[in-house]
Amino acid sequence: MRFFQIGLLCLALFVQYRLWFGHNGVQDYTRLKSAVASHQQTNEKLIKRNKVLTADIEDLKLGQEGIEERARNELGMIKPDETFIRVLPGKQHDN
């Protein structure tokens, strides 16, 4: 009878060790769970970026306004009869 109890205790200890420290145990689960969360955040950022790029493509397809806006913002271009005025932020005065 004593041999059977020692055998069951050893089996229970072995199962617990495998659960906490073995392959596909709790440590692997928590590592994979954090990796999945990280990938989900990256995917959300990429989805937002794709939506912005899709909107830009649609704007460029629709007409000249989108092309003009990109030329002004990214290339600093102006139309022939326009005057470029740059407004610099003023200094903050501490009172």
Protein backbone atom coordinates (compact mmCIF):
# COMPACT_ATOMS: atom_id res chain seq x y z
CA MET A 1 0.00 0.00 0.00
CA ARG A 2 2.85 2.40 0.88
CA PHE A 3 4.52 1.76 -2.51
CA PHE A 4 1.27 2.72 -4.30
CA GLN A 5 1.02 6.02 -2.37
CA ILE A 6 4.65 6.93 -3.13
CA GLY A 7 4.04 6.09 -6.79
CA LEU A 8 0.97 8.37 -6.90
CA LEU A 9 2.89 11.17 -5.17
CA CYS A 10 5.74 10.88 -7.69
CA LEU A 11 3.24 10.88 -10.55
CA ALA A 12 1.51 13.99 -9.15
CA LEU A 13 4.86 15.78 -8.74
CA PHE A 14 5.86 14.85 -12.29
CA VAL A 15 2.56 16.15 -13.70
CA GLN A 16 2.89 19.39 -11.75
CA TYR A 17 6.47 19.88 -12.96
CA ARG A 18 5.38 19.35 -16.56
CA LEU A 19 2.47 21.76 -16.10
CA TRP A 20 4.59 24.63 -14.77
CA PHE A 21 7.98 24.14 -16.40
CA GLY A 22 7.60 21.63 -19.25
CA HIS A 23 6.99 22.01 -22.97
CA ASN A 24 3.59 23.68 -23.63
CA GLY A 25 3.32 24.51 -19.94
CA VAL A 26 2.31 27.71 -18.21
CA GLN A 27 5.56 29.50 -19.11
CA ASP A 28 5.08 28.79 -22.82
CA TYR A 29 1.45 29.86 -22.57
CA THR A 30 2.28 33.24 -21.00
CA ARG A 31 5.10 33.84 -23.51
CA LEU A 32 2.82 33.07 -26.45
CA LYS A 33 0.00 35.14 -24.99
CA SER A 34 2.23 38.23 -24.79
CA ALA A 35 3.52 37.59 -28.33
CA VAL A 36 -0.05 37.40 -29.65
CA ALA A 37 -0.95 40.68 -27.91
CA SER A 38 2.10 42.35 -29.42
CA HIS A 39 1.22 41.12 -32.90
CA GLN A 40 -2.37 42.29 -32.50
CA GLN A 41 -1.17 45.81 -31.64
CA THR A 42 1.11 45.79 -34.67
CA ASN A 43 -1.76 44.61 -36.87
CA GLU A 44 -4.03 47.39 -35.59
CA LYS A 45 -1.38 50.02 -36.43
CA LEU A 46 -0.93 48.55 -39.90
CA ILE A 47 -4.68 48.46 -40.51
CA LYS A 48 -4.91 52.16 -39.62
CA ARG A 49 -1.97 52.94 -41.91
CA ASN A 50 -3.58 50.98 -44.75
CA LYS A 51 -6.83 52.92 -44.31
CA VAL A 52 -4.93 56.22 -44.56
CA LEU A 53 -3.08 55.05 -47.66
CA THR A 54 -6.31 53.85 -49.25
CA ALA A 55 -7.90 57.24 -48.60
CA ASP A 56 -4.87 58.98 -50.15
CA ILE A 57 -5.12 56.77 -53.23
CA GLU A 58 -8.82 57.56 -53.61
CA ASP A 59 -8.13 61.30 -53.24
CA LEU A 60 -5.44 61.12 -55.91
CA LYS A 61 -7.76 59.23 -58.26
CA LEU A 62 -10.64 61.68 -57.84
CA GLY A 63 -9.05 64.90 -58.96
CA GLN A 64 -6.50 67.63 -58.85
CA GLU A 65 -7.19 68.75 -55.27
CA GLY A 66 -5.48 65.73 -53.75
CA ILE A 67 -2.50 66.08 -56.07
CA GLU A 68 -2.18 69.79 -55.28
CA GLU A 69 -2.39 69.15 -51.54
CA ARG A 70 0.39 66.55 -51.68
CA ALA A 71 2.56 68.81 -53.83
CA ARG A 72 2.13 71.69 -51.37
CA ASN A 73 2.70 69.64 -48.19
CA GLU A 74 5.40 67.23 -49.28
CA LEU A 75 7.25 69.14 -52.00
CA GLY A 76 6.64 72.76 -50.97
CA MET A 77 5.29 73.67 -54.40
CA ILE A 78 3.13 76.73 -55.11
CA LYS A 79 1.09 77.86 -58.10
CA PRO A 80 2.58 80.45 -60.49
CA ASP A 81 0.50 83.41 -59.20
CA GLU A 82 0.73 82.55 -55.50
CA THR A 83 2.95 84.09 -52.84
CA PHE A 84 4.46 81.82 -50.21
CA ILE A 85 4.15 83.12 -46.65
CA ARG A 86 5.64 81.22 -43.75
CA VAL A 87 4.40 81.99 -40.25
CA LEU A 88 6.80 81.11 -37.47
CA PRO A 89 5.53 80.50 -33.94
CA GLY A 90 6.26 83.32 -31.52
CA LYS A 91 8.32 82.95 -28.39
CA GLN A 92 6.48 82.19 -25.17
CA HIS A 93 6.93 84.87 -22.51
CA ASP A 94 6.94 83.76 -18.88
CA ASN A 95 5.05 86.22 -16.66
